[in-house]
Amino acid sequence: MEPARSSAREYRVLSEMTARGRMRVADPASQAVFQVVSYQDDALYDRLAAANIGSVVTIGIEQAGTRANAYVAYRPPDGLRISHNPPIQLETRVQRTDDAATTEIQHPVLHPDSDDSNPPTV
């Protein structure tokens, strides 16, 4: 594991992590947007993968080599902090997906055009 860096700040998650491990975050103070493409280690990757849109994460980022808007996320010295945004409704998440491999979830109660004459049993 690499040693912790010296600075970190809060970023708002603009897009959840993709299957390729990329996510966009914004610095609320400057409104700058950063694309995170790599992570200090697998544990940090796993924690950030759980952050949904609107969550606030306290991480450090540094530019990934010479790539213009590609950044590496690292764990700050005080530790990673995530303030999760309240989860959005399942139906909204299904509508937002753009991954062809994702199975669309249909549920009679959640689907607006459903026939509620035969509700599901729990």
N, C-alpha and C. Protein backbone atom coordinates (compact mmCIF):
# COMPACT_ATOMS: atom_id res chain seq x y z
N MET A 1 0.85 -1.17 0.00
CA MET A 1 0.00 0.00 0.00
C MET A 1 0.89 1.24 0.00
N GLU A 2 0.52 2.23 -0.81
CA GLU A 2 1.27 3.46 -0.87
C GLU A 2 1.03 4.30 0.37
N PRO A 3 1.99 5.15 0.75
CA PRO A 3 1.76 6.03 1.88
C PRO A 3 0.70 7.08 1.54
N ALA A 4 0.00 7.57 2.57
CA ALA A 4 -1.03 8.58 2.36
C ALA A 4 -0.40 9.91 1.95
N ARG A 5 -1.08 10.64 1.10
CA ARG A 5 -0.61 11.96 0.69
C ARG A 5 -1.03 13.00 1.71
N SER A 6 -0.61 14.23 1.50
CA SER A 6 -0.82 15.24 2.53
C SER A 6 -2.09 16.06 2.40
N SER A 7 -2.78 16.03 1.27
CA SER A 7 -3.97 16.90 1.15
C SER A 7 -5.17 16.13 0.62
N ALA A 8 -6.32 16.63 0.96
CA ALA A 8 -7.58 16.04 0.50
C ALA A 8 -8.63 17.12 0.56
N ARG A 9 -9.70 16.92 -0.18
CA ARG A 9 -10.84 17.83 -0.10
C ARG A 9 -12.11 17.06 -0.41
N GLU A 10 -13.22 17.75 -0.20
CA GLU A 10 -14.51 17.13 -0.47
C GLU A 10 -14.86 17.30 -1.95
N TYR A 11 -15.39 16.23 -2.52
CA TYR A 11 -15.86 16.25 -3.91
C TYR A 11 -17.26 15.66 -3.93
N ARG A 12 -18.10 16.20 -4.80
CA ARG A 12 -19.45 15.66 -4.99
C ARG A 12 -19.42 14.69 -6.17
N VAL A 13 -20.02 13.51 -6.00
CA VAL A 13 -20.05 12.50 -7.05
C VAL A 13 -21.07 12.92 -8.10
N LEU A 14 -20.61 13.08 -9.35
CA LEU A 14 -21.49 13.46 -10.46
C LEU A 14 -21.98 12.25 -11.25
N SER A 15 -21.16 11.20 -11.28
CA SER A 15 -21.57 9.97 -11.96
C SER A 15 -21.02 8.78 -11.18
N GLU A 16 -21.86 7.78 -11.02
CA GLU A 16 -21.42 6.58 -10.31
C GLU A 16 -20.35 5.88 -11.12
N MET A 17 -19.56 5.06 -10.44
CA MET A 17 -18.47 4.36 -11.10
C MET A 17 -18.99 3.45 -12.20
N THR A 18 -18.35 3.51 -13.36
CA THR A 18 -18.73 2.67 -14.49
C THR A 18 -18.09 1.29 -14.35
N ALA A 19 -18.45 0.39 -15.25
CA ALA A 19 -17.86 -0.95 -15.25
C ALA A 19 -16.36 -0.89 -15.51
N ARG A 20 -15.90 0.18 -16.13
CA ARG A 20 -14.46 0.34 -16.40
C ARG A 20 -13.74 1.05 -15.27
N GLY A 21 -14.45 1.34 -14.17
CA GLY A 21 -13.82 1.94 -13.00
C GLY A 21 -13.64 3.45 -13.07
N ARG A 22 -14.42 4.11 -13.90
CA ARG A 22 -14.30 5.57 -14.02
C ARG A 22 -15.49 6.24 -13.37
N MET A 23 -15.22 7.38 -12.76
CA MET A 23 -16.30 8.17 -12.16
C MET A 23 -15.94 9.65 -12.25
N ARG A 24 -16.97 10.50 -12.28
CA ARG A 24 -16.74 11.94 -12.32
C ARG A 24 -17.11 12.54 -10.97
N VAL A 25 -16.23 13.44 -10.50
CA VAL A 25 -16.47 14.16 -9.25
C VAL A 25 -16.27 15.65 -9.51
N ALA A 26 -16.89 16.48 -8.68
CA ALA A 26 -16.75 17.93 -8.81
C ALA A 26 -16.31 18.53 -7.49
N ASP A 27 -15.47 19.54 -7.58
CA ASP A 27 -15.07 20.32 -6.42
C ASP A 27 -16.13 21.39 -6.23
N PRO A 28 -16.94 21.31 -5.16
CA PRO A 28 -18.03 22.29 -4.98
C PRO A 28 -17.54 23.73 -4.89
N ALA A 29 -16.34 23.94 -4.37
CA ALA A 29 -15.82 25.31 -4.22
C ALA A 29 -15.49 25.94 -5.57
N SER A 30 -14.84 25.20 -6.45
CA SER A 30 -14.40 25.77 -7.72
C SER A 30 -15.28 25.36 -8.90
N GLN A 31 -16.19 24.41 -8.69
CA GLN A 31 -17.04 23.85 -9.74
C GLN A 31 -16.25 23.10 -10.81
N ALA A 32 -14.99 22.79 -10.54
CA ALA A 32 -14.17 22.03 -11.48
C ALA A 32 -14.62 20.56 -11.45
N VAL A 33 -14.62 19.92 -12.62
CA VAL A 33 -15.03 18.52 -12.75
C VAL A 33 -13.80 17.69 -13.08
N PHE A 34 -13.67 16.54 -12.40
CA PHE A 34 -12.53 15.65 -12.58
C PHE A 34 -13.01 14.25 -12.91
N GLN A 35 -12.32 13.58 -13.81
CA GLN A 35 -12.64 12.19 -14.12
C GLN A 35 -11.60 11.32 -13.44
N VAL A 36 -12.05 10.53 -12.47
CA VAL A 36 -11.16 9.62 -11.74
C VAL A 36 -11.10 8.32 -12.53
N VAL A 37 -9.88 7.91 -12.89
CA VAL A 37 -9.70 6.72 -13.73
C VAL A 37 -8.88 5.63 -13.05
N SER A 38 -8.28 5.96 -11.89
CA SER A 38 -7.45 4.98 -11.19
C SER A 38 -7.53 5.25 -9.69
N TYR A 39 -7.14 4.24 -8.91
CA TYR A 39 -7.31 4.32 -7.46
C TYR A 39 -6.06 3.81 -6.76
N GLN A 40 -5.80 4.33 -5.58
CA GLN A 40 -4.62 3.97 -4.81
C GLN A 40 -4.55 2.46 -4.57
N ASP A 41 -5.68 1.85 -4.27
CA ASP A 41 -5.70 0.40 -4.02
C ASP A 41 -7.13 -0.12 -4.20
N ASP A 42 -7.26 -1.44 -4.14
CA ASP A 42 -8.57 -2.08 -4.35
C ASP A 42 -9.59 -1.71 -3.29
N ALA A 43 -9.13 -1.52 -2.05
CA ALA A 43 -10.06 -1.18 -0.97
C ALA A 43 -10.69 0.19 -1.22
N LEU A 44 -9.90 1.15 -1.67
CA LEU A 44 -10.42 2.47 -1.99
C LEU A 44 -11.38 2.38 -3.18
N TYR A 45 -11.02 1.62 -4.17
CA TYR A 45 -11.87 1.39 -5.35
C TYR A 45 -13.24 0.86 -4.90
N ASP A 46 -13.24 -0.15 -4.04
CA ASP A 46 -14.48 -0.77 -3.59
C ASP A 46 -15.36 0.22 -2.82
N ARG A 47 -14.75 1.03 -1.96
CA ARG A 47 -15.52 2.01 -1.18
C ARG A 47 -16.12 3.07 -2.08
N LEU A 48 -15.34 3.57 -3.05
CA LEU A 48 -15.85 4.62 -3.93
C LEU A 48 -16.89 4.07 -4.91
N ALA A 49 -16.79 2.79 -5.24
CA ALA A 49 -17.77 2.17 -6.13
C ALA A 49 -19.17 2.18 -5.50
N ALA A 50 -19.24 2.25 -4.18
CA ALA A 50 -20.52 2.25 -3.48
C ALA A 50 -21.14 3.64 -3.38
N ALA A 51 -20.41 4.68 -3.76
CA ALA A 51 -20.93 6.06 -3.67
C ALA A 51 -21.88 6.33 -4.83
N ASN A 52 -23.08 6.81 -4.51
CA ASN A 52 -24.05 7.12 -5.57
C ASN A 52 -23.99 8.61 -5.92
N ILE A 53 -24.68 8.97 -6.97
CA ILE A 53 -24.71 10.35 -7.45
C ILE A 53 -25.17 11.27 -6.32
N GLY A 54 -24.45 12.36 -6.12
CA GLY A 54 -24.79 13.32 -5.09
C GLY A 54 -24.07 13.09 -3.78
N SER A 55 -23.46 11.94 -3.61
CA SER A 55 -22.70 11.67 -2.39
C SER A 55 -21.51 12.62 -2.33
N VAL A 56 -21.03 12.90 -1.13
CA VAL A 56 -19.84 13.73 -0.95
C VAL A 56 -18.74 12.83 -0.40
N VAL A 57 -17.60 12.81 -1.10
CA VAL A 57 -16.47 11.98 -0.71
C VAL A 57 -15.28 12.87 -0.39
N THR A 58 -14.57 12.52 0.66
CA THR A 58 -13.35 13.25 0.99
C THR A 58 -12.19 12.36 0.59
N ILE A 59 -11.54 12.76 -0.50
CA ILE A 59 -10.42 12.02 -1.07
C ILE A 59 -9.37 13.01 -1.56
N GLY A 60 -8.24 12.49 -1.90
CA GLY A 60 -7.24 13.27 -2.60
C GLY A 60 -7.21 12.80 -4.03
N ILE A 61 -6.93 13.70 -4.95
CA ILE A 61 -6.75 13.30 -6.34
C ILE A 61 -5.51 13.99 -6.89
N GLU A 62 -4.85 13.32 -7.81
CA GLU A 62 -3.71 13.91 -8.49
C GLU A 62 -3.78 13.49 -9.95
N GLN A 63 -3.23 14.31 -10.82
CA GLN A 63 -3.31 14.05 -12.25
C GLN A 63 -2.61 12.73 -12.59
N ALA A 64 -3.23 11.97 -13.48
CA ALA A 64 -2.68 10.67 -13.90
C ALA A 64 -1.75 10.90 -15.08
N GLY A 65 -0.49 11.06 -14.82
CA GLY A 65 0.50 11.27 -15.88
C GLY A 65 0.24 12.54 -16.65
N THR A 66 0.28 12.45 -17.95
CA THR A 66 0.11 13.63 -18.79
C THR A 66 -1.28 13.74 -19.38
N ARG A 67 -2.17 12.85 -19.02
CA ARG A 67 -3.55 12.90 -19.54
C ARG A 67 -4.25 14.13 -19.00
N ALA A 68 -4.96 14.82 -19.87
CA ALA A 68 -5.56 16.11 -19.54
C ALA A 68 -6.52 16.08 -18.35
N ASN A 69 -7.58 15.30 -18.43
CA ASN A 69 -8.57 15.30 -17.36
C ASN A 69 -8.76 13.90 -16.78
N ALA A 70 -7.66 13.26 -16.45
CA ALA A 70 -7.69 11.93 -15.84
C ALA A 70 -6.93 12.00 -14.52
N TYR A 71 -7.57 11.49 -13.47
CA TYR A 71 -7.00 11.63 -12.14
C TYR A 71 -6.97 10.29 -11.40
N VAL A 72 -6.03 10.20 -10.47
CA VAL A 72 -5.89 9.05 -9.58
C VAL A 72 -6.40 9.47 -8.21
N ALA A 73 -7.29 8.67 -7.62
CA ALA A 73 -7.80 8.96 -6.28
C ALA A 73 -6.92 8.26 -5.26
N TYR A 74 -6.69 8.95 -4.15
CA TYR A 74 -5.93 8.33 -3.06
C TYR A 74 -6.60 8.62 -1.73
N ARG A 75 -6.28 7.78 -0.76
CA ARG A 75 -6.84 7.88 0.57
C ARG A 75 -6.12 8.99 1.33
N PRO A 76 -6.86 9.95 1.88
CA PRO A 76 -6.21 11.03 2.64
C PRO A 76 -5.67 10.53 3.97
N PRO A 77 -4.75 11.28 4.57
CA PRO A 77 -4.15 10.86 5.85
C PRO A 77 -5.17 10.65 6.96
N ASP A 78 -6.25 11.46 6.96
CA ASP A 78 -7.28 11.33 8.01
C ASP A 78 -8.29 10.24 7.70
N GLY A 79 -8.13 9.56 6.59
CA GLY A 79 -9.04 8.49 6.21
C GLY A 79 -10.10 8.95 5.23
N LEU A 80 -10.66 8.01 4.54
CA LEU A 80 -11.71 8.25 3.55
C LEU A 80 -13.02 8.52 4.28
N ARG A 81 -13.74 9.54 3.81
CA ARG A 81 -15.07 9.82 4.36
C ARG A 81 -16.05 9.89 3.19
N ILE A 82 -17.20 9.24 3.35
CA ILE A 82 -18.25 9.28 2.34
C ILE A 82 -19.56 9.63 3.03
N SER A 83 -20.20 10.70 2.57
CA SER A 83 -21.55 11.04 3.03
C SER A 83 -22.48 10.66 1.88
N HIS A 84 -23.14 9.52 2.04
CA HIS A 84 -23.98 9.00 0.96
C HIS A 84 -25.22 9.86 0.76
N ASN A 85 -25.53 10.10 -0.50
CA ASN A 85 -26.76 10.76 -0.88
C ASN A 85 -27.88 9.75 -0.63
N PRO A 86 -29.05 10.21 -0.22
CA PRO A 86 -30.13 9.21 -0.08
C PRO A 86 -30.30 8.46 -1.40
N PRO A 87 -30.47 7.16 -1.33
CA PRO A 87 -30.57 6.38 -2.57
C PRO A 87 -31.77 6.81 -3.40
N ILE A 88 -31.56 6.88 -4.70
CA ILE A 88 -32.67 7.23 -5.58
C ILE A 88 -33.53 5.99 -5.78
N GLN A 89 -34.76 6.22 -6.18
CA GLN A 89 -35.69 5.11 -6.32
C GLN A 89 -35.20 4.12 -7.37
N LEU A 90 -35.50 2.87 -7.14
CA LEU A 90 -35.08 1.80 -8.04
C LEU A 90 -35.53 2.07 -9.47
N GLU A 91 -36.76 2.53 -9.65
CA GLU A 91 -37.27 2.78 -11.00
C GLU A 91 -36.41 3.83 -11.70
N THR A 92 -36.01 4.88 -10.98
CA THR A 92 -35.17 5.93 -11.56
C THR A 92 -33.82 5.37 -11.96
N ARG A 93 -33.24 4.52 -11.12
CA ARG A 93 -31.94 3.92 -11.45
C ARG A 93 -32.04 3.05 -12.69
N VAL A 94 -33.13 2.32 -12.84
CA VAL A 94 -33.31 1.47 -14.01
C VAL A 94 -33.38 2.32 -15.26
N GLN A 95 -34.08 3.43 -15.20
CA GLN A 95 -34.22 4.30 -16.35
C GLN A 95 -32.90 4.96 -16.73
N ARG A 96 -32.02 5.21 -15.77
CA ARG A 96 -30.76 5.89 -16.04
C ARG A 96 -29.69 4.99 -16.64
N THR A 97 -29.84 3.70 -16.52
CA THR A 97 -28.78 2.81 -16.97
C THR A 97 -28.57 2.91 -18.47
N ASP A 98 -27.31 2.90 -18.89
CA ASP A 98 -26.99 2.94 -20.31
C ASP A 98 -26.11 1.75 -20.69
N ASP A 99 -25.98 0.82 -19.77
CA ASP A 99 -25.16 -0.36 -19.99
C ASP A 99 -26.03 -1.46 -20.58
N ALA A 100 -25.71 -1.87 -21.80
CA ALA A 100 -26.53 -2.89 -22.47
C ALA A 100 -26.52 -4.22 -21.73
N ALA A 101 -25.50 -4.48 -20.94
CA ALA A 101 -25.39 -5.74 -20.22
C ALA A 101 -26.27 -5.75 -18.97
N THR A 102 -26.76 -4.59 -18.57
CA THR A 102 -27.56 -4.50 -17.36
C THR A 102 -28.96 -5.01 -17.64
N THR A 103 -29.46 -5.83 -16.76
CA THR A 103 -30.81 -6.34 -16.90
C THR A 103 -31.78 -5.30 -16.36
N GLU A 104 -32.77 -4.95 -17.16
CA GLU A 104 -33.76 -3.99 -16.71
C GLU A 104 -34.70 -4.69 -15.73
N ILE A 105 -34.95 -4.04 -14.63
CA ILE A 105 -35.80 -4.60 -13.59
C ILE A 105 -37.19 -4.03 -13.75
N GLN A 106 -38.16 -4.89 -13.91
CA GLN A 106 -39.55 -4.47 -14.00
C GLN A 106 -40.30 -5.04 -12.81
N HIS A 107 -41.07 -4.22 -12.17
CA HIS A 107 -41.83 -4.65 -11.01
C HIS A 107 -43.20 -4.00 -11.10
N PRO A 108 -44.28 -4.75 -10.89
CA PRO A 108 -45.63 -4.19 -11.05
C PRO A 108 -45.87 -2.94 -10.22
N VAL A 109 -45.33 -2.86 -9.03
CA VAL A 109 -45.58 -1.69 -8.18
C VAL A 109 -44.76 -0.50 -8.65
N LEU A 110 -43.55 -0.75 -9.14
CA LEU A 110 -42.67 0.33 -9.54
C LEU A 110 -42.89 0.80 -10.97
N HIS A 111 -43.43 -0.05 -11.81
CA HIS A 111 -43.61 0.29 -13.22
C HIS A 111 -44.90 1.08 -13.39
N PRO A 112 -44.84 2.33 -13.94
CA PRO A 112 -46.03 3.18 -14.01
C PRO A 112 -47.15 2.64 -14.91
N ASP A 113 -46.85 1.82 -15.88
CA ASP A 113 -47.86 1.29 -16.79
C ASP A 113 -48.33 -0.11 -16.40
N SER A 114 -48.08 -0.48 -15.18
CA SER A 114 -48.39 -1.86 -14.80
C SER A 114 -49.87 -2.01 -14.45
N ASP A 115 -50.29 -3.25 -14.50
CA ASP A 115 -51.64 -3.61 -14.11
C ASP A 115 -51.58 -3.99 -12.64
N ASP A 116 -52.12 -3.15 -11.76
CA ASP A 116 -52.04 -3.40 -10.33
C ASP A 116 -53.16 -4.32 -9.84
N SER A 117 -53.87 -4.95 -10.74
CA SER A 117 -54.95 -5.83 -10.32
C SER A 117 -54.41 -7.11 -9.68
N ASN A 118 -53.16 -7.41 -9.90
CA ASN A 118 -52.54 -8.62 -9.35
C ASN A 118 -51.24 -8.23 -8.65
N PRO A 119 -51.31 -7.57 -7.46
CA PRO A 119 -50.10 -7.08 -6.81
C PRO A 119 -49.21 -8.23 -6.32
N PRO A 120 -47.92 -8.00 -6.20
CA PRO A 120 -47.00 -9.04 -5.74
C PRO A 120 -47.23 -9.35 -4.27
N THR A 121 -46.91 -10.57 -3.89
CA THR A 121 -47.00 -10.96 -2.49
C THR A 121 -45.62 -10.93 -1.88
N VAL A 122 -45.57 -10.63 -0.63
CA VAL A 122 -44.28 -10.54 0.06
C VAL A 122 -44.21 -11.59 1.11
